[in-house]
N, C-alpha and C. Protein backbone atom coordinates (compact mmCIF):
# COMPACT_ATOMS: atom_id res chain seq x y z
N MET A 1 0.84 -1.19 0.00
CA MET A 1 0.00 0.00 0.00
C MET A 1 0.87 1.24 0.00
N LYS A 2 0.28 2.35 -0.44
CA LYS A 2 0.96 3.64 -0.44
C LYS A 2 0.09 4.68 0.26
N LEU A 3 0.73 5.56 1.00
CA LEU A 3 0.03 6.65 1.66
C LEU A 3 0.48 7.97 1.05
N TYR A 4 -0.44 8.68 0.42
CA TYR A 4 -0.15 10.04 -0.02
C TYR A 4 -0.22 10.93 1.21
N TYR A 5 0.86 11.66 1.44
CA TYR A 5 1.10 12.29 2.73
C TYR A 5 1.56 13.73 2.51
N GLN A 6 1.49 14.53 3.56
CA GLN A 6 2.05 15.88 3.54
C GLN A 6 2.63 16.15 4.92
N THR A 7 3.85 16.65 4.96
CA THR A 7 4.58 16.75 6.23
C THR A 7 4.01 17.80 7.18
N HIS A 8 3.12 18.66 6.69
CA HIS A 8 2.54 19.67 7.57
C HIS A 8 1.02 19.59 7.62
N SER A 9 0.48 18.41 7.36
CA SER A 9 -0.95 18.18 7.48
C SER A 9 -1.27 17.44 8.77
N PRO A 10 -2.12 17.98 9.63
CA PRO A 10 -2.47 17.26 10.86
C PRO A 10 -3.24 15.98 10.56
N PHE A 11 -4.01 15.98 9.48
CA PHE A 11 -4.80 14.80 9.14
C PHE A 11 -3.92 13.67 8.60
N ALA A 12 -2.96 14.02 7.76
CA ALA A 12 -2.02 13.01 7.25
C ALA A 12 -1.16 12.46 8.38
N ARG A 13 -0.72 13.35 9.27
CA ARG A 13 0.10 12.88 10.38
C ARG A 13 -0.69 11.95 11.29
N LYS A 14 -1.96 12.25 11.49
CA LYS A 14 -2.81 11.36 12.30
C LYS A 14 -2.76 9.94 11.75
N VAL A 15 -2.90 9.80 10.43
CA VAL A 15 -2.88 8.46 9.83
C VAL A 15 -1.51 7.82 9.99
N LEU A 16 -0.44 8.58 9.82
CA LEU A 16 0.89 8.00 9.93
C LEU A 16 1.20 7.57 11.36
N VAL A 17 0.78 8.35 12.33
CA VAL A 17 0.95 7.94 13.73
C VAL A 17 0.15 6.67 13.99
N PHE A 18 -1.06 6.61 13.48
CA PHE A 18 -1.89 5.41 13.61
C PHE A 18 -1.18 4.20 13.00
N ILE A 19 -0.57 4.39 11.84
CA ILE A 19 0.16 3.30 11.19
C ILE A 19 1.27 2.78 12.09
N HIS A 20 2.03 3.68 12.70
CA HIS A 20 3.11 3.25 13.58
C HIS A 20 2.56 2.56 14.83
N GLU A 21 1.49 3.09 15.40
CA GLU A 21 0.94 2.50 16.62
C GLU A 21 0.31 1.13 16.35
N SER A 22 -0.13 0.89 15.14
CA SER A 22 -0.74 -0.40 14.81
C SER A 22 0.26 -1.40 14.23
N GLY A 23 1.52 -1.00 14.11
CA GLY A 23 2.54 -1.92 13.64
C GLY A 23 2.51 -2.19 12.15
N LEU A 24 1.97 -1.26 11.37
CA LEU A 24 1.82 -1.47 9.93
C LEU A 24 2.84 -0.69 9.10
N ALA A 25 3.80 -0.04 9.74
CA ALA A 25 4.70 0.85 9.02
C ALA A 25 5.48 0.15 7.91
N ASP A 26 5.80 -1.13 8.10
CA ASP A 26 6.59 -1.82 7.08
C ASP A 26 5.75 -2.28 5.90
N ARG A 27 4.45 -2.04 5.94
CA ARG A 27 3.56 -2.47 4.85
C ARG A 27 3.09 -1.31 3.98
N ILE A 28 3.51 -0.10 4.33
CA ILE A 28 2.97 1.08 3.64
C ILE A 28 4.11 2.01 3.23
N GLU A 29 4.15 2.34 1.96
CA GLU A 29 5.11 3.31 1.45
C GLU A 29 4.51 4.71 1.57
N VAL A 30 5.25 5.62 2.19
CA VAL A 30 4.77 6.98 2.39
C VAL A 30 5.34 7.88 1.30
N ILE A 31 4.46 8.54 0.57
CA ILE A 31 4.86 9.41 -0.54
C ILE A 31 4.37 10.83 -0.26
N ASP A 32 5.29 11.76 -0.18
CA ASP A 32 4.93 13.14 0.14
C ASP A 32 4.34 13.84 -1.08
N HIS A 33 3.21 14.50 -0.87
CA HIS A 33 2.54 15.26 -1.92
C HIS A 33 2.14 16.61 -1.35
N GLU A 34 2.60 17.69 -1.99
CA GLU A 34 2.15 19.02 -1.59
C GLU A 34 0.76 19.27 -2.15
N THR A 35 -0.16 19.70 -1.32
CA THR A 35 -1.50 20.06 -1.76
C THR A 35 -1.86 21.42 -1.19
N SER A 36 -2.70 22.11 -1.91
CA SER A 36 -3.17 23.43 -1.49
C SER A 36 -4.48 23.70 -2.24
N PRO A 37 -5.42 24.42 -1.62
CA PRO A 37 -6.62 24.80 -2.35
C PRO A 37 -6.33 25.66 -3.58
N LEU A 38 -5.12 26.23 -3.63
CA LEU A 38 -4.78 27.14 -4.72
C LEU A 38 -3.96 26.49 -5.82
N VAL A 39 -3.50 25.26 -5.60
CA VAL A 39 -2.67 24.58 -6.59
C VAL A 39 -3.19 23.15 -6.77
N ARG A 40 -3.39 22.76 -8.01
CA ARG A 40 -3.92 21.42 -8.30
C ARG A 40 -2.79 20.39 -8.35
N ASN A 41 -2.86 19.40 -7.48
CA ASN A 41 -1.94 18.27 -7.51
C ASN A 41 -2.63 17.14 -8.28
N ARG A 42 -2.19 16.89 -9.50
CA ARG A 42 -2.89 15.95 -10.37
C ARG A 42 -2.91 14.54 -9.80
N ASP A 43 -1.80 14.13 -9.18
CA ASP A 43 -1.73 12.77 -8.64
C ASP A 43 -2.75 12.57 -7.53
N VAL A 44 -2.88 13.57 -6.66
CA VAL A 44 -3.84 13.46 -5.56
C VAL A 44 -5.27 13.54 -6.09
N PHE A 45 -5.54 14.47 -7.00
CA PHE A 45 -6.88 14.58 -7.56
C PHE A 45 -7.30 13.31 -8.29
N SER A 46 -6.34 12.59 -8.86
CA SER A 46 -6.69 11.37 -9.58
C SER A 46 -7.23 10.29 -8.65
N GLU A 47 -6.93 10.40 -7.36
CA GLU A 47 -7.38 9.41 -6.39
C GLU A 47 -8.43 9.95 -5.42
N ASN A 48 -8.44 11.25 -5.21
CA ASN A 48 -9.40 11.89 -4.30
C ASN A 48 -9.95 13.13 -4.99
N PRO A 49 -11.23 13.16 -5.33
CA PRO A 49 -11.79 14.30 -6.05
C PRO A 49 -11.74 15.60 -5.26
N LEU A 50 -11.49 15.52 -3.96
CA LEU A 50 -11.34 16.72 -3.15
C LEU A 50 -9.92 17.27 -3.21
N GLY A 51 -8.99 16.49 -3.78
CA GLY A 51 -7.62 16.97 -3.94
C GLY A 51 -6.85 17.11 -2.65
N LYS A 52 -7.20 16.31 -1.64
CA LYS A 52 -6.57 16.45 -0.32
C LYS A 52 -5.91 15.15 0.10
N VAL A 53 -4.89 15.27 0.92
CA VAL A 53 -4.30 14.12 1.59
C VAL A 53 -4.83 14.09 3.03
N PRO A 54 -4.80 12.91 3.66
CA PRO A 54 -4.18 11.65 3.22
C PRO A 54 -5.07 10.87 2.26
N VAL A 55 -4.38 10.07 1.43
CA VAL A 55 -5.03 9.10 0.56
C VAL A 55 -4.28 7.78 0.71
N LEU A 56 -5.01 6.70 0.88
CA LEU A 56 -4.39 5.38 0.97
C LEU A 56 -4.65 4.64 -0.34
N ILE A 57 -3.56 4.30 -1.03
CA ILE A 57 -3.64 3.57 -2.29
C ILE A 57 -3.51 2.08 -1.98
N ARG A 58 -4.53 1.32 -2.37
CA ARG A 58 -4.57 -0.13 -2.10
C ARG A 58 -4.46 -0.90 -3.40
N PRO A 59 -3.48 -1.77 -3.55
CA PRO A 59 -3.33 -2.53 -4.79
C PRO A 59 -4.59 -3.32 -5.13
N GLY A 60 -5.09 -3.10 -6.33
CA GLY A 60 -6.25 -3.86 -6.78
C GLY A 60 -7.58 -3.42 -6.20
N LEU A 61 -7.56 -2.39 -5.36
CA LEU A 61 -8.79 -1.90 -4.73
C LEU A 61 -8.87 -0.39 -4.89
N SER A 62 -10.03 0.17 -4.62
CA SER A 62 -10.19 1.61 -4.72
C SER A 62 -9.38 2.32 -3.63
N ALA A 63 -8.95 3.54 -3.94
CA ALA A 63 -8.24 4.35 -2.96
C ALA A 63 -9.20 4.80 -1.87
N LEU A 64 -8.66 4.95 -0.67
CA LEU A 64 -9.45 5.46 0.45
C LEU A 64 -8.94 6.86 0.82
N PHE A 65 -9.85 7.75 1.13
CA PHE A 65 -9.44 9.08 1.59
C PHE A 65 -10.28 9.50 2.78
N ASP A 66 -9.80 10.51 3.47
CA ASP A 66 -10.28 11.00 4.76
C ASP A 66 -9.62 10.17 5.86
N SER A 67 -9.04 10.87 6.81
CA SER A 67 -8.26 10.18 7.84
C SER A 67 -9.11 9.24 8.68
N ASP A 68 -10.36 9.60 8.96
CA ASP A 68 -11.24 8.72 9.74
C ASP A 68 -11.44 7.39 9.03
N VAL A 69 -11.72 7.46 7.73
CA VAL A 69 -11.98 6.25 6.94
C VAL A 69 -10.72 5.40 6.84
N ILE A 70 -9.59 6.05 6.59
CA ILE A 70 -8.34 5.31 6.45
C ILE A 70 -7.98 4.60 7.75
N CYS A 71 -8.10 5.30 8.88
CA CYS A 71 -7.78 4.68 10.17
C CYS A 71 -8.71 3.51 10.47
N ALA A 72 -10.00 3.66 10.15
CA ALA A 72 -10.94 2.56 10.37
C ALA A 72 -10.55 1.34 9.55
N TYR A 73 -10.11 1.56 8.32
CA TYR A 73 -9.67 0.45 7.48
C TYR A 73 -8.40 -0.19 8.03
N LEU A 74 -7.43 0.65 8.38
CA LEU A 74 -6.16 0.12 8.88
C LEU A 74 -6.35 -0.71 10.15
N ASP A 75 -7.34 -0.34 10.94
CA ASP A 75 -7.55 -1.06 12.20
C ASP A 75 -8.03 -2.48 11.97
N THR A 76 -8.43 -2.80 10.74
CA THR A 76 -8.84 -4.18 10.42
C THR A 76 -7.66 -5.02 9.97
N LEU A 77 -6.48 -4.41 9.82
CA LEU A 77 -5.35 -5.11 9.20
C LEU A 77 -4.30 -5.60 10.18
N HIS A 78 -4.44 -5.30 11.46
CA HIS A 78 -3.40 -5.68 12.41
C HIS A 78 -3.97 -6.55 13.52
N ASN A 79 -3.07 -7.21 14.24
CA ASN A 79 -3.47 -8.14 15.30
C ASN A 79 -3.25 -7.58 16.69
N ARG A 80 -2.87 -6.32 16.78
CA ARG A 80 -2.71 -5.68 18.09
C ARG A 80 -4.09 -5.30 18.64
N LYS A 81 -4.10 -4.75 19.84
CA LYS A 81 -5.35 -4.24 20.41
C LYS A 81 -5.91 -3.17 19.47
N LYS A 82 -7.20 -3.25 19.18
CA LYS A 82 -7.81 -2.32 18.26
C LYS A 82 -7.74 -0.89 18.81
N LEU A 83 -7.39 0.04 17.92
CA LEU A 83 -7.31 1.44 18.30
C LEU A 83 -8.66 2.14 18.19
N ILE A 84 -9.60 1.49 17.54
CA ILE A 84 -10.99 1.95 17.52
C ILE A 84 -11.81 0.87 18.22
N PRO A 85 -12.18 1.09 19.48
CA PRO A 85 -12.92 0.05 20.20
C PRO A 85 -14.14 -0.42 19.41
N LEU A 86 -14.42 -1.71 19.50
CA LEU A 86 -15.45 -2.30 18.66
C LEU A 86 -16.86 -2.10 19.19
N GLU A 87 -17.01 -1.91 20.49
CA GLU A 87 -18.35 -1.84 21.04
C GLU A 87 -18.37 -1.12 22.37
N GLY A 88 -19.56 -0.88 22.86
CA GLY A 88 -19.74 -0.29 24.17
C GLY A 88 -19.42 1.19 24.21
N GLU A 89 -19.45 1.74 25.41
CA GLU A 89 -19.23 3.17 25.58
C GLU A 89 -17.81 3.57 25.19
N ALA A 90 -16.86 2.64 25.31
CA ALA A 90 -15.48 2.94 24.94
C ALA A 90 -15.40 3.35 23.47
N ARG A 91 -16.19 2.71 22.62
CA ARG A 91 -16.20 3.06 21.20
C ARG A 91 -16.66 4.51 21.00
N TRP A 92 -17.75 4.86 21.64
CA TRP A 92 -18.31 6.20 21.44
C TRP A 92 -17.43 7.27 22.04
N GLU A 93 -16.75 6.97 23.15
CA GLU A 93 -15.81 7.93 23.73
C GLU A 93 -14.65 8.18 22.78
N ALA A 94 -14.13 7.12 22.18
CA ALA A 94 -13.01 7.27 21.24
C ALA A 94 -13.43 8.06 20.01
N LEU A 95 -14.60 7.74 19.46
CA LEU A 95 -15.07 8.44 18.27
C LEU A 95 -15.46 9.89 18.57
N ARG A 96 -15.99 10.13 19.77
CA ARG A 96 -16.33 11.49 20.15
C ARG A 96 -15.07 12.35 20.23
N LEU A 97 -14.02 11.81 20.86
CA LEU A 97 -12.78 12.56 20.97
C LEU A 97 -12.15 12.78 19.60
N GLN A 98 -12.24 11.77 18.74
CA GLN A 98 -11.73 11.93 17.39
C GLN A 98 -12.49 13.06 16.67
N ALA A 99 -13.79 13.10 16.83
CA ALA A 99 -14.59 14.14 16.18
C ALA A 99 -14.19 15.53 16.68
N LEU A 100 -13.97 15.66 17.97
CA LEU A 100 -13.52 16.95 18.51
C LEU A 100 -12.17 17.33 17.94
N ALA A 101 -11.26 16.36 17.89
CA ALA A 101 -9.92 16.63 17.38
C ALA A 101 -9.95 17.04 15.91
N GLN A 102 -10.78 16.38 15.13
CA GLN A 102 -10.90 16.76 13.72
C GLN A 102 -11.44 18.18 13.60
N GLY A 103 -12.42 18.51 14.44
CA GLY A 103 -12.95 19.86 14.44
C GLY A 103 -11.92 20.89 14.85
N LEU A 104 -11.08 20.54 15.81
CA LEU A 104 -10.01 21.45 16.22
C LEU A 104 -9.08 21.75 15.04
N ALA A 105 -8.67 20.70 14.34
CA ALA A 105 -7.76 20.89 13.21
C ALA A 105 -8.42 21.73 12.12
N GLU A 106 -9.68 21.43 11.82
CA GLU A 106 -10.39 22.19 10.78
C GLU A 106 -10.56 23.66 11.18
N THR A 107 -10.86 23.89 12.46
CA THR A 107 -11.01 25.26 12.94
C THR A 107 -9.67 25.99 12.91
N GLY A 108 -8.60 25.28 13.29
CA GLY A 108 -7.28 25.88 13.24
C GLY A 108 -6.88 26.27 11.83
N ILE A 109 -7.19 25.41 10.87
CA ILE A 109 -6.88 25.73 9.47
C ILE A 109 -7.67 26.95 9.03
N ALA A 110 -8.94 27.01 9.39
CA ALA A 110 -9.76 28.17 9.02
C ALA A 110 -9.24 29.45 9.67
N LEU A 111 -8.83 29.35 10.93
CA LEU A 111 -8.29 30.52 11.61
C LEU A 111 -6.98 30.98 10.97
N ARG A 112 -6.18 30.03 10.54
CA ARG A 112 -4.92 30.39 9.89
C ARG A 112 -5.17 31.12 8.57
N TRP A 113 -6.21 30.73 7.85
CA TRP A 113 -6.55 31.47 6.63
C TRP A 113 -6.89 32.92 6.97
N GLU A 114 -7.61 33.12 8.06
CA GLU A 114 -8.06 34.47 8.40
C GLU A 114 -6.99 35.32 9.08
N THR A 115 -5.89 34.71 9.49
CA THR A 115 -4.85 35.47 10.19
C THR A 115 -3.51 35.49 9.47
N ALA A 116 -3.28 34.57 8.53
CA ALA A 116 -1.96 34.48 7.92
C ALA A 116 -1.98 34.26 6.42
N ARG A 117 -2.90 33.45 5.93
CA ARG A 117 -2.80 33.04 4.53
C ARG A 117 -3.61 33.91 3.58
N ARG A 118 -4.77 34.34 4.00
CA ARG A 118 -5.58 35.19 3.12
C ARG A 118 -4.96 36.58 3.04
N PRO A 119 -4.99 37.26 1.88
CA PRO A 119 -4.50 38.64 1.81
C PRO A 119 -5.12 39.50 2.91
N ALA A 120 -4.31 40.37 3.50
CA ALA A 120 -4.72 41.11 4.68
C ALA A 120 -6.03 41.86 4.48
N HIS A 121 -6.23 42.42 3.31
CA HIS A 121 -7.44 43.22 3.09
C HIS A 121 -8.70 42.38 2.96
N LEU A 122 -8.55 41.05 2.87
CA LEU A 122 -9.70 40.16 2.77
C LEU A 122 -10.01 39.44 4.08
N ARG A 123 -9.22 39.67 5.10
CA ARG A 123 -9.44 38.98 6.38
C ARG A 123 -10.58 39.65 7.14
N TYR A 124 -11.31 38.83 7.89
CA TYR A 124 -12.51 39.31 8.59
C TYR A 124 -12.35 39.05 10.08
N GLU A 125 -12.12 40.10 10.84
CA GLU A 125 -11.78 39.96 12.26
C GLU A 125 -12.86 39.26 13.08
N PRO A 126 -14.15 39.55 12.89
CA PRO A 126 -15.16 38.80 13.65
C PRO A 126 -15.09 37.30 13.42
N LEU A 127 -14.74 36.90 12.21
CA LEU A 127 -14.61 35.48 11.93
C LEU A 127 -13.39 34.90 12.65
N GLN A 128 -12.29 35.64 12.68
CA GLN A 128 -11.12 35.23 13.45
C GLN A 128 -11.51 34.97 14.90
N GLU A 129 -12.24 35.91 15.47
CA GLU A 129 -12.63 35.80 16.88
C GLU A 129 -13.54 34.58 17.11
N GLY A 130 -14.42 34.32 16.14
CA GLY A 130 -15.30 33.16 16.26
C GLY A 130 -14.54 31.85 16.24
N TYR A 131 -13.57 31.76 15.34
CA TYR A 131 -12.76 30.54 15.28
C TYR A 131 -11.93 30.38 16.56
N ALA A 132 -11.33 31.46 17.02
CA ALA A 132 -10.51 31.39 18.24
C ALA A 132 -11.35 30.97 19.43
N GLN A 133 -12.60 31.44 19.48
CA GLN A 133 -13.47 31.05 20.58
C GLN A 133 -13.76 29.56 20.56
N LYS A 134 -13.95 28.99 19.37
CA LYS A 134 -14.17 27.54 19.26
C LYS A 134 -12.98 26.76 19.82
N LEU A 135 -11.77 27.23 19.53
CA LEU A 135 -10.59 26.56 20.06
C LEU A 135 -10.58 26.61 21.58
N GLN A 136 -10.80 27.80 22.14
CA GLN A 136 -10.74 27.95 23.59
C GLN A 136 -11.84 27.15 24.28
N GLU A 137 -13.05 27.11 23.72
CA GLU A 137 -14.12 26.33 24.30
C GLU A 137 -13.78 24.84 24.27
N SER A 138 -13.14 24.41 23.21
CA SER A 138 -12.73 23.00 23.11
C SER A 138 -11.69 22.66 24.17
N TYR A 139 -10.75 23.58 24.41
CA TYR A 139 -9.74 23.33 25.44
C TYR A 139 -10.38 23.25 26.81
N ARG A 140 -11.37 24.10 27.07
CA ARG A 140 -12.06 24.05 28.36
C ARG A 140 -12.79 22.72 28.53
N TRP A 141 -13.42 22.28 27.45
CA TRP A 141 -14.13 21.00 27.50
C TRP A 141 -13.16 19.85 27.77
N LEU A 142 -12.02 19.89 27.11
CA LEU A 142 -11.03 18.82 27.30
C LEU A 142 -10.49 18.76 28.72
N GLU A 143 -10.37 19.89 29.37
CA GLU A 143 -9.86 19.91 30.74
C GLU A 143 -10.70 19.00 31.64
N GLY A 144 -12.00 18.95 31.38
CA GLY A 144 -12.86 18.13 32.21
C GLY A 144 -13.18 16.76 31.64
N GLU A 145 -13.05 16.61 30.33
CA GLU A 145 -13.52 15.39 29.68
C GLU A 145 -12.42 14.44 29.21
N LEU A 146 -11.20 14.92 29.05
CA LEU A 146 -10.12 14.06 28.52
C LEU A 146 -9.77 12.99 29.54
N ASP A 147 -9.92 11.76 29.15
CA ASP A 147 -9.62 10.63 30.02
C ASP A 147 -8.22 10.12 29.68
N ASP A 148 -7.23 10.66 30.40
CA ASP A 148 -5.85 10.28 30.08
C ASP A 148 -5.45 8.95 30.71
N GLY A 149 -6.38 8.32 31.43
CA GLY A 149 -6.09 7.00 31.99
C GLY A 149 -6.59 5.87 31.11
N ALA A 150 -7.37 6.21 30.09
CA ALA A 150 -7.89 5.18 29.19
C ALA A 150 -6.79 4.64 28.29
N GLY A 151 -6.96 3.41 27.84
CA GLY A 151 -5.99 2.84 26.91
C GLY A 151 -5.96 3.63 25.61
N LEU A 152 -4.84 3.58 24.94
CA LEU A 152 -4.65 4.33 23.70
C LEU A 152 -5.74 4.00 22.69
N HIS A 153 -6.32 5.04 22.09
CA HIS A 153 -7.29 4.84 21.03
C HIS A 153 -7.16 5.96 20.00
N VAL A 154 -7.95 5.83 18.93
CA VAL A 154 -7.85 6.75 17.81
C VAL A 154 -8.12 8.20 18.21
N GLY A 155 -8.96 8.40 19.20
CA GLY A 155 -9.23 9.76 19.66
C GLY A 155 -8.00 10.44 20.21
N HIS A 156 -7.19 9.70 20.95
CA HIS A 156 -5.95 10.25 21.48
C HIS A 156 -4.99 10.63 20.35
N ILE A 157 -4.89 9.76 19.36
CA ILE A 157 -4.00 10.04 18.22
C ILE A 157 -4.47 11.29 17.49
N ALA A 158 -5.76 11.37 17.23
CA ALA A 158 -6.31 12.53 16.52
C ALA A 158 -6.09 13.80 17.32
N LEU A 159 -6.30 13.74 18.62
CA LEU A 159 -6.14 14.94 19.46
C LEU A 159 -4.68 15.37 19.51
N ALA A 160 -3.78 14.45 19.71
CA ALA A 160 -2.36 14.81 19.81
C ALA A 160 -1.86 15.43 18.52
N THR A 161 -2.25 14.87 17.38
CA THR A 161 -1.76 15.41 16.11
C THR A 161 -2.41 16.76 15.79
N ALA A 162 -3.65 16.95 16.21
CA ALA A 162 -4.30 18.24 16.00
C ALA A 162 -3.66 19.32 16.88
N LEU A 163 -3.48 19.02 18.16
CA LEU A 163 -2.92 20.01 19.07
C LEU A 163 -1.47 20.34 18.73
N SER A 164 -0.71 19.35 18.33
CA SER A 164 0.68 19.63 17.98
C SER A 164 0.76 20.48 16.71
N TRP A 165 -0.18 20.28 15.78
CA TRP A 165 -0.23 21.12 14.59
C TRP A 165 -0.62 22.55 14.96
N ILE A 166 -1.57 22.73 15.85
CA ILE A 166 -1.96 24.08 16.28
C ILE A 166 -0.77 24.81 16.87
N ARG A 167 -0.01 24.13 17.67
CA ARG A 167 1.19 24.75 18.26
C ARG A 167 2.25 25.01 17.18
N PHE A 168 2.40 24.08 16.25
CA PHE A 168 3.36 24.22 15.14
C PHE A 168 3.07 25.48 14.32
N ARG A 169 1.80 25.80 14.16
CA ARG A 169 1.39 26.96 13.37
C ARG A 169 1.21 28.23 14.22
N ASP A 170 1.61 28.18 15.48
CA ASP A 170 1.53 29.35 16.36
C ASP A 170 0.12 29.89 16.48
N LEU A 171 -0.84 29.00 16.52
CA LEU A 171 -2.23 29.37 16.75
C LEU A 171 -2.53 29.27 18.24
N PRO A 172 -3.64 29.82 18.70
CA PRO A 172 -3.97 29.74 20.13
C PRO A 172 -4.03 28.29 20.61
N ALA A 173 -3.19 27.97 21.57
CA ALA A 173 -3.05 26.60 22.05
C ALA A 173 -3.44 26.54 23.53
N PRO A 174 -3.60 25.34 24.08
CA PRO A 174 -3.87 25.23 25.51
C PRO A 174 -2.77 25.89 26.34
N GLN A 175 -3.14 26.46 27.47
CA GLN A 175 -2.17 27.10 28.34
C GLN A 175 -1.13 26.08 28.80
N PRO A 176 0.15 26.48 28.89
CA PRO A 176 1.22 25.53 29.23
C PRO A 176 0.99 24.78 30.54
N GLU A 177 0.32 25.42 31.50
CA GLU A 177 0.11 24.78 32.79
C GLU A 177 -1.16 23.91 32.82
N SER A 178 -1.88 23.85 31.71
CA SER A 178 -3.15 23.13 31.70
C SER A 178 -2.93 21.61 31.68
N ARG A 179 -3.95 20.91 32.09
CA ARG A 179 -3.92 19.45 32.07
C ARG A 179 -3.74 18.93 30.65
N VAL A 180 -4.39 19.57 29.68
CA VAL A 180 -4.30 19.15 28.29
C VAL A 180 -2.88 19.31 27.75
N ALA A 181 -2.25 20.42 28.08
CA ALA A 181 -0.87 20.65 27.62
C ALA A 181 0.07 19.61 28.20
N HIS A 182 -0.11 19.26 29.46
CA HIS A 182 0.75 18.24 30.08
C HIS A 182 0.51 16.88 29.42
N TRP A 183 -0.75 16.59 29.12
CA TRP A 183 -1.07 15.33 28.42
C TRP A 183 -0.36 15.29 27.07
N LEU A 184 -0.42 16.39 26.32
CA LEU A 184 0.21 16.44 25.01
C LEU A 184 1.72 16.23 25.11
N SER A 185 2.34 16.86 26.09
CA SER A 185 3.79 16.71 26.25
C SER A 185 4.17 15.25 26.46
N ARG A 186 3.37 14.54 27.26
CA ARG A 186 3.65 13.12 27.49
C ARG A 186 3.41 12.31 26.21
N PHE A 187 2.35 12.63 25.50
CA PHE A 187 2.03 11.87 24.29
C PHE A 187 3.09 12.07 23.22
N GLU A 188 3.64 13.25 23.15
CA GLU A 188 4.65 13.53 22.14
C GLU A 188 5.95 12.78 22.37
N GLU A 189 6.09 12.15 23.51
CA GLU A 189 7.27 11.32 23.77
C GLU A 189 7.15 9.93 23.14
N ARG A 190 5.96 9.58 22.68
CA ARG A 190 5.78 8.27 22.06
C ARG A 190 6.60 8.17 20.78
N PRO A 191 7.18 7.00 20.49
CA PRO A 191 7.97 6.84 19.26
C PRO A 191 7.19 7.21 18.00
N SER A 192 5.89 6.94 17.98
CA SER A 192 5.09 7.24 16.79
C SER A 192 5.05 8.73 16.50
N MET A 193 5.11 9.55 17.53
CA MET A 193 5.14 11.00 17.35
C MET A 193 6.55 11.47 17.01
N GLN A 194 7.53 10.87 17.64
CA GLN A 194 8.91 11.25 17.38
C GLN A 194 9.32 10.94 15.93
N LEU A 195 8.74 9.89 15.37
CA LEU A 195 9.08 9.47 14.02
C LEU A 195 8.33 10.24 12.93
N THR A 196 7.38 11.10 13.33
CA THR A 196 6.53 11.78 12.34
C THR A 196 6.48 13.29 12.60
N PRO A 197 7.60 13.97 12.69
CA PRO A 197 7.58 15.40 13.02
C PRO A 197 6.92 16.22 11.91
N LEU A 198 6.28 17.30 12.32
CA LEU A 198 5.73 18.26 11.37
C LEU A 198 6.84 19.12 10.80
N SER A 199 6.73 19.48 9.53
CA SER A 199 7.73 20.33 8.92
C SER A 199 7.16 20.94 7.64
N GLY A 200 7.76 22.05 7.22
CA GLY A 200 7.43 22.63 5.93
C GLY A 200 6.33 23.67 5.97
N GLU A 201 6.13 24.31 4.83
CA GLU A 201 5.13 25.32 4.65
C GLU A 201 4.25 24.97 3.46
N THR A 202 3.05 25.46 3.46
CA THR A 202 2.14 25.23 2.35
C THR A 202 2.64 25.99 1.11
N VAL A 203 2.66 25.30 -0.02
CA VAL A 203 3.09 25.91 -1.27
C VAL A 203 1.83 26.24 -2.07
N ASP A 204 1.60 27.53 -2.28
CA ASP A 204 0.36 27.98 -2.95
C ASP A 204 0.56 28.34 -4.41
N ARG A 205 1.75 28.20 -4.92
CA ARG A 205 1.96 28.54 -6.32
C ARG A 205 3.14 27.74 -6.88
């Protein structure tokens, strides 16, 4: 299999961390592809009509895209403890945290457009404030809801890669003394995170 990847995508990194945690790294070739809403990457568009990474290329089968879908598929391929619990409340807790993490990353990307990427005269300050508020409300929710004693699951991977990307892009992040920030620091010590550092800038032309 091949993974179309980008070194500064929180969603692509989520899949790659998942690959390492599930012991599948030796079965997947990682191929870096720059993507941007402003530049068409023909190879990526040929497999994903949205033109975004990650994309998982499967020999003899259709390509899979979206990090949630790819992780769900990968979890069927290994014999370790499942990273997406199969049943009960543990499943819904993992998927709920994954959904929050995906929303954090999407909100962070939107905020970055309004503060750094969009031409200054086109930026809309009330929208910036709205996105920033979503981030802060999510951090407050996590302070009370993050179960750092639970076994590793996809929600933890999604959250760690989203939060580390937010910090990488100098966006509003959890306060250093917060419980969430301490959790992230510990999670970033995992080999799967150490082997998949964020790097690079978006190429728009």
